[in-house]
Amino acid sequence: MAAGIKLIPKRKMLWGGTSEAAATLVQHTVENIQTLATAYVTREITANDARAVLTLDQNGTGTNLDLTHATAPEMRFIEEDQTDPAGRFRWRGTAGSFILEMAKTASWATDDDILSINLTNKYVSFMAPPGSNDWYTVISSGAAVGSSSLINFGSSSATVTTFDLRTGNGAGSNLSRLTIGIGSDTVDATWGSVVHTGFAFKRTTYTSNGAITTNGIASLNKTTPALAMTLADPSTVGYILVISQVDSGTAGHTITTATAGGFDGTNNTATFNAQYDTLILFSIGATRWAIAENIGVVLSAV
């Protein structure tokens, strides 16, 4: 019988039952409420640190579990088949940062910060410096954009003017290896302290008439009839274009610039008559190519 319930002498009640039946009904109601409350929230207070461990069984939607603490709330993950400190991890919020930590010694006497998300200054970092081959990042794919993958290093901040790639120098500090400008479709990139091993221009092979791209390597490859190609104005300074005949024909492939005198200020047509005839061009203006090297190519003004 539930405590605090005073039984009325046995007699008919207004609802038609007995006092014993009423007491039983009340008792069952109290027990049901207790059972439901226990099923939803179980609270165990840990004696040594006075923090609560909560288990919440959600029935339906709209149920939230809030972890609160006066200084640094945390959520611990304990792998019970491991011996402390192995298998002990925790997420902890403190001073505007959200930190993933791993126990280093038993009972969390010391720990290693694996990852820190700084919400105040808006950056993510490994707090413990990687040593030897301790840590590395595997990027399987960036964000999907159409049929391609994208890793976006962009910034919407007007104060950010460059993207700087830095690596260690083996002496305890780091050096800038690549600085890329931000703010326009064509940006400056500055390389520093880098040896370009295996660097190669993109090669495009042409087997039919058409337009040649304004940078990279263009390979003419058709024995007969001769190819009739066009070359657009470079539009900017600094492009490097290498045009070479790779077939063994002598039909005479021709390349004509979009602007009169586009090759050297006088000539606008280049004729390739033999295998390995080559023209190396460097753009010096929006409509002008300079000839850095000419191997067997005949230039003319047409």
Protein backbone atom coordinates (compact mmCIF):
# COMPACT_ATOMS: atom_id res chain seq x y z
CA MET A 1 0.00 0.00 0.00
CA ALA A 2 1.38 3.43 -0.90
CA ALA A 3 2.67 5.45 2.08
CA GLY A 4 0.55 8.37 3.24
CA ILE A 5 -2.76 6.96 2.03
CA LYS A 6 -5.49 6.90 4.69
CA LEU A 7 -8.06 4.22 4.16
CA ILE A 8 -11.73 4.99 4.63
CA PRO A 9 -13.80 2.31 6.41
CA LYS A 10 -15.22 -0.14 3.99
CA ARG A 11 -18.33 1.26 2.40
CA LYS A 12 -19.71 2.05 -0.98
CA MET A 13 -18.01 4.99 -2.71
CA LEU A 14 -19.73 7.51 -4.96
CA TRP A 15 -18.16 5.87 -8.01
CA GLY A 16 -19.55 2.53 -6.97
CA GLY A 17 -16.40 0.83 -5.66
CA THR A 18 -14.94 0.05 -2.23
CA SER A 19 -12.27 1.92 -0.29
CA GLU A 20 -9.82 -0.99 -0.81
CA ALA A 21 -10.32 -0.71 -4.56
CA ALA A 22 -9.66 3.02 -4.45
CA ALA A 23 -6.41 2.50 -2.50
CA THR A 24 -5.26 -0.14 -4.97
CA LEU A 25 -5.98 2.17 -7.87
CA VAL A 26 -3.93 4.97 -6.29
CA GLN A 27 -1.06 2.63 -5.50
CA HIS A 28 -0.90 1.30 -9.06
CA THR A 29 -0.99 4.85 -10.41
CA VAL A 30 1.98 5.89 -8.23
CA GLU A 31 3.95 2.78 -9.25
CA ASN A 32 3.28 3.43 -12.93
CA ILE A 33 4.51 7.01 -12.63
CA GLN A 34 7.67 5.85 -10.85
CA THR A 35 8.32 3.20 -13.50
CA LEU A 36 7.92 5.67 -16.35
CA ALA A 37 10.19 8.22 -14.70
CA THR A 38 12.89 5.60 -14.07
CA ALA A 39 12.66 4.36 -17.66
CA TYR A 40 13.28 7.84 -19.06
CA VAL A 41 15.96 9.29 -16.83
CA THR A 42 18.43 7.48 -14.56
CA ARG A 43 20.70 9.73 -12.49
CA GLU A 44 23.75 8.41 -10.67
CA ILE A 45 25.76 10.90 -8.67
CA THR A 46 29.47 10.08 -8.61
CA ALA A 47 30.75 10.51 -5.05
CA ASN A 48 34.25 11.74 -5.81
CA ASP A 49 33.44 14.56 -8.23
CA ALA A 50 29.72 15.25 -7.67
CA ARG A 51 28.89 15.11 -11.39
CA ALA A 52 25.89 13.35 -12.84
CA VAL A 53 25.86 10.55 -15.37
CA LEU A 54 22.64 10.73 -17.36
CA THR A 55 20.93 8.09 -19.48
CA LEU A 56 18.03 9.37 -21.55
CA ASP A 57 15.63 7.12 -23.44
CA GLN A 58 13.80 9.33 -25.90
CA ASN A 59 10.18 8.51 -26.60
CA GLY A 60 9.02 10.53 -29.59
CA THR A 61 10.56 13.86 -30.54
CA GLY A 62 11.54 17.08 -28.82
CA THR A 63 13.61 15.54 -26.00
CA ASN A 64 16.95 17.26 -25.26
CA LEU A 65 19.85 16.24 -23.08
CA ASP A 66 21.72 19.26 -21.69
CA LEU A 67 25.10 18.84 -19.99
CA THR A 68 25.77 21.84 -17.78
CA HIS A 69 28.58 22.74 -15.40
CA ALA A 70 29.78 25.95 -13.81
CA THR A 71 33.19 25.90 -15.53
CA ALA A 72 33.92 23.21 -18.14
CA PRO A 73 31.13 20.74 -19.07
CA GLU A 74 32.34 17.50 -20.58
CA MET A 75 31.11 14.24 -22.07
CA ARG A 76 33.21 11.14 -21.41
CA PHE A 77 33.45 7.96 -23.48
CA ILE A 78 34.78 4.92 -21.63
CA GLU A 79 35.60 1.60 -23.29
CA GLU A 80 34.95 -0.84 -20.46
CA ASP A 81 37.06 -3.69 -21.82
CA GLN A 82 40.17 -1.47 -21.67
CA THR A 83 42.26 -0.68 -18.59
CA ASP A 84 42.37 2.96 -17.52
CA PRO A 85 43.74 5.14 -19.13
CA ALA A 86 43.29 3.19 -22.39
CA GLY A 87 39.99 3.72 -24.16
CA ARG A 88 39.17 6.97 -22.33
CA PHE A 89 38.10 9.94 -24.44
CA ARG A 90 36.09 13.07 -23.73
CA TRP A 91 34.66 16.14 -25.41
CA ARG A 92 35.07 19.24 -23.27
CA GLY A 93 33.86 22.80 -23.67
CA THR A 94 35.98 25.58 -22.19
CA ALA A 95 36.61 29.29 -22.86
CA GLY A 96 35.06 29.34 -26.32
CA SER A 97 36.70 26.08 -27.48
CA PHE A 98 35.36 22.56 -28.03
CA ILE A 99 38.16 20.04 -27.39
CA LEU A 100 38.52 16.30 -27.99
CA GLU A 101 40.89 14.79 -25.42
CA MET A 102 42.43 11.38 -24.72
CA ALA A 103 43.38 10.22 -21.21
CA LYS A 104 47.15 9.90 -20.84
CA THR A 105 47.26 8.58 -17.28
CA ALA A 106 44.68 6.90 -15.05
CA SER A 107 41.70 8.84 -13.69
CA TRP A 108 42.37 11.67 -16.12
CA ALA A 109 45.38 12.90 -14.13
CA THR A 110 46.86 14.05 -17.45
CA ASP A 111 45.54 14.03 -20.99
CA ASP A 112 46.42 14.83 -24.60
CA ASP A 113 44.35 17.31 -26.58
CA ILE A 114 43.68 15.58 -29.89
CA LEU A 115 41.64 18.26 -31.61
CA SER A 116 40.53 21.77 -30.68
CA ILE A 117 37.78 23.75 -32.37
CA ASN A 118 38.24 27.41 -31.41
CA LEU A 119 34.89 29.10 -31.84
CA THR A 120 36.15 32.51 -30.73
CA ASN A 121 38.96 32.88 -33.27
CA LYS A 122 37.39 30.45 -35.78
CA TYR A 123 40.10 27.87 -36.41
CA VAL A 124 40.69 24.15 -35.93
CA SER A 125 44.02 22.83 -34.68
CA PHE A 126 45.88 19.85 -33.28
CA MET A 127 46.94 21.06 -29.85
CA ALA A 128 49.63 18.41 -29.33
CA PRO A 129 52.30 18.88 -32.06
CA PRO A 130 52.63 15.78 -34.28
CA GLY A 131 55.88 13.93 -33.80
CA SER A 132 57.59 11.53 -36.22
CA ASN A 133 54.74 9.75 -38.04
CA ASP A 134 52.22 10.22 -35.21
CA TRP A 135 49.58 12.11 -37.17
CA TYR A 136 48.58 12.70 -40.74
CA THR A 137 45.39 13.65 -42.54
CA VAL A 138 43.74 11.56 -45.25
CA ILE A 139 41.43 13.47 -47.57
CA SER A 140 39.48 11.00 -49.68
CA SER A 141 37.36 13.63 -51.37
CA GLY A 142 36.35 17.22 -50.93
CA ALA A 143 32.88 18.61 -51.43
CA ALA A 144 31.22 17.34 -54.60
CA VAL A 145 30.82 20.02 -57.26
CA GLY A 146 29.20 18.60 -60.37
CA SER A 147 31.26 15.59 -61.40
CA SER A 148 34.37 16.86 -59.60
CA SER A 149 35.61 17.03 -56.03
CA LEU A 150 36.54 20.29 -54.37
CA ILE A 151 38.62 21.28 -51.38
CA ASN A 152 37.76 24.91 -50.77
CA PHE A 153 40.38 27.15 -49.14
CA GLY A 154 38.43 30.31 -49.89
CA SER A 155 37.41 33.02 -47.45
CA SER A 156 34.55 35.50 -47.50
CA SER A 157 36.48 37.92 -45.29
CA ALA A 158 37.49 41.17 -46.99
CA THR A 159 40.63 41.32 -44.84
CA VAL A 160 42.04 38.00 -46.14
CA THR A 161 44.25 38.74 -49.17
CA THR A 162 46.36 35.57 -49.54
CA PHE A 163 46.40 31.82 -49.01
CA ASP A 164 49.74 30.78 -47.53
CA LEU A 165 51.05 27.19 -47.60
CA ARG A 166 53.81 26.63 -45.05
CA THR A 167 55.92 23.59 -44.12
CA GLY A 168 58.58 22.95 -41.51
CA ASN A 169 62.26 23.61 -42.22
CA GLY A 170 63.61 20.78 -40.06
CA ALA A 171 64.96 23.27 -37.53
CA GLY A 172 61.93 23.95 -35.38
CA SER A 173 60.20 26.62 -37.47
CA ASN A 174 58.32 26.83 -40.78
CA LEU A 175 58.74 28.58 -44.11
CA SER A 176 56.26 29.90 -46.64
CA ARG A 177 56.33 27.58 -49.67
CA LEU A 178 53.44 28.96 -51.71
CA THR A 179 51.49 32.19 -51.44
CA ILE A 180 48.43 32.58 -53.65
CA GLY A 181 46.69 35.92 -54.02
CA ILE A 182 42.95 36.25 -53.46
CA GLY A 183 40.38 38.56 -54.99
CA SER A 184 40.33 38.09 -58.76
CA ASP A 185 39.92 35.38 -61.38
CA THR A 186 43.65 35.44 -62.16
CA VAL A 187 45.82 35.68 -59.05
CA ASP A 188 49.54 35.82 -58.36
CA ALA A 189 51.29 32.81 -56.87
CA THR A 190 54.76 33.08 -55.33
CA TRP A 191 56.89 29.98 -54.74
CA GLY A 192 59.60 30.05 -52.13
CA SER A 193 62.28 27.51 -51.14
CA VAL A 194 60.78 24.86 -53.43
CA VAL A 195 62.57 22.60 -55.94
CA HIS A 196 60.12 21.59 -58.66
CA THR A 197 60.91 17.94 -59.30
CA GLY A 198 59.05 16.32 -62.17
CA PHE A 199 57.29 19.54 -63.17
CA ALA A 200 55.67 19.38 -66.63
CA PHE A 201 53.32 21.52 -68.72
CA LYS A 202 50.00 20.11 -69.82
CA ARG A 203 50.19 18.65 -73.32
CA THR A 204 47.38 18.76 -75.89
CA THR A 205 47.60 16.82 -79.17
CA TYR A 206 45.83 18.20 -82.26
CA THR A 207 44.80 15.91 -85.11
CA SER A 208 42.22 18.14 -86.78
CA ASN A 209 41.76 21.82 -87.64
CA GLY A 210 40.82 24.13 -84.77
CA ALA A 211 42.08 26.54 -82.12
CA ILE A 212 45.23 26.01 -80.07
CA THR A 213 45.10 26.73 -76.34
CA THR A 214 47.14 29.76 -75.29
CA ASN A 215 49.42 27.95 -72.79
CA GLY A 216 51.05 24.59 -72.28
CA ILE A 217 52.35 22.23 -74.98
CA ALA A 218 50.61 21.87 -78.37
CA SER A 219 51.54 18.80 -80.42
CA LEU A 220 50.59 18.80 -84.13
CA ASN A 221 50.04 15.22 -85.22
CA LYS A 222 48.56 14.61 -88.66
CA THR A 223 50.57 13.44 -91.65
CA THR A 224 48.18 14.67 -94.34
CA PRO A 225 46.44 16.87 -95.18
CA ALA A 226 48.06 19.79 -93.37
CA LEU A 227 46.46 21.19 -90.25
CA ALA A 228 45.14 24.76 -90.37
CA MET A 229 45.16 26.05 -86.78
CA THR A 230 44.39 29.39 -85.15
CA LEU A 231 45.96 30.97 -82.08
CA ALA A 232 43.99 33.45 -79.98
CA ASP A 233 45.52 36.53 -78.38
CA PRO A 234 47.09 35.65 -75.01
CA SER A 235 45.04 38.37 -73.19
CA THR A 236 47.65 38.58 -70.44
CA VAL A 237 51.39 38.63 -69.85
CA GLY A 238 53.30 35.53 -68.77
CA TYR A 239 51.86 32.61 -70.73
CA ILE A 240 54.32 30.03 -72.07
CA LEU A 241 53.31 28.07 -75.16
CA VAL A 242 55.36 25.39 -76.91
CA ILE A 243 54.12 24.29 -80.37
CA SER A 244 55.77 21.28 -81.98
CA GLN A 245 55.12 18.99 -84.97
CA VAL A 246 55.31 15.35 -83.87
CA ASP A 247 54.22 13.61 -87.07
CA SER A 248 56.70 12.87 -89.87
CA GLY A 249 54.72 14.56 -92.64
CA THR A 250 55.80 17.48 -94.81
CA ALA A 251 52.37 18.85 -95.73
CA GLY A 252 53.02 22.12 -93.92
CA HIS A 253 50.82 22.74 -90.87
CA THR A 254 49.96 26.41 -90.39
CA ILE A 255 49.12 28.45 -87.30
CA THR A 256 47.66 31.93 -87.66
CA THR A 257 47.42 34.47 -84.84
CA ALA A 258 44.24 36.43 -84.17
CA THR A 259 46.06 39.77 -84.42
CA ALA A 260 48.24 40.91 -87.34
CA GLY A 261 51.91 40.62 -86.38
CA GLY A 262 50.90 38.57 -83.35
CA PHE A 263 54.04 36.43 -83.33
CA ASP A 264 56.74 39.08 -83.34
CA GLY A 265 55.13 42.35 -84.34
CA THR A 266 55.50 41.54 -88.05
CA ASN A 267 54.42 37.97 -88.77
CA ASN A 268 51.11 36.31 -88.05
CA THR A 269 51.57 32.85 -89.64
CA ALA A 270 53.86 29.98 -88.68
CA THR A 271 54.40 26.99 -91.02
CA PHE A 272 55.65 23.60 -89.75
CA ASN A 273 57.14 21.40 -92.49
CA ALA A 274 59.02 18.65 -90.67
CA GLN A 275 58.98 16.47 -87.60
CA TYR A 276 60.14 18.29 -84.43
CA ASP A 277 59.79 21.76 -85.93
CA THR A 278 59.17 23.75 -82.76
CA LEU A 279 58.15 27.25 -81.74
CA ILE A 280 58.50 28.42 -78.11
CA LEU A 281 56.38 31.48 -77.34
CA PHE A 282 56.06 33.82 -74.37
CA SER A 283 53.23 36.31 -74.07
CA ILE A 284 54.42 39.89 -73.52
CA GLY A 285 51.10 41.68 -73.99
CA ALA A 286 47.39 41.16 -74.45
CA THR A 287 47.82 40.69 -78.24
CA ARG A 288 51.53 39.95 -78.63
CA TRP A 289 53.66 36.82 -78.49
CA ALA A 290 57.46 36.94 -78.26
CA ILE A 291 59.45 34.12 -79.88
CA ALA A 292 61.81 32.61 -77.30
CA GLU A 293 63.03 29.84 -79.64
CA ASN A 294 62.40 28.86 -83.29
CA ILE A 295 63.48 25.43 -84.56
CA GLY A 296 62.75 25.05 -88.28
CA VAL A 297 59.46 26.99 -88.34
CA VAL A 298 58.85 29.43 -91.22
CA LEU A 299 57.24 32.74 -90.20
CA SER A 300 55.33 34.96 -92.60
CA ALA A 301 52.80 37.79 -92.77
CA VAL A 302 49.66 36.66 -94.58
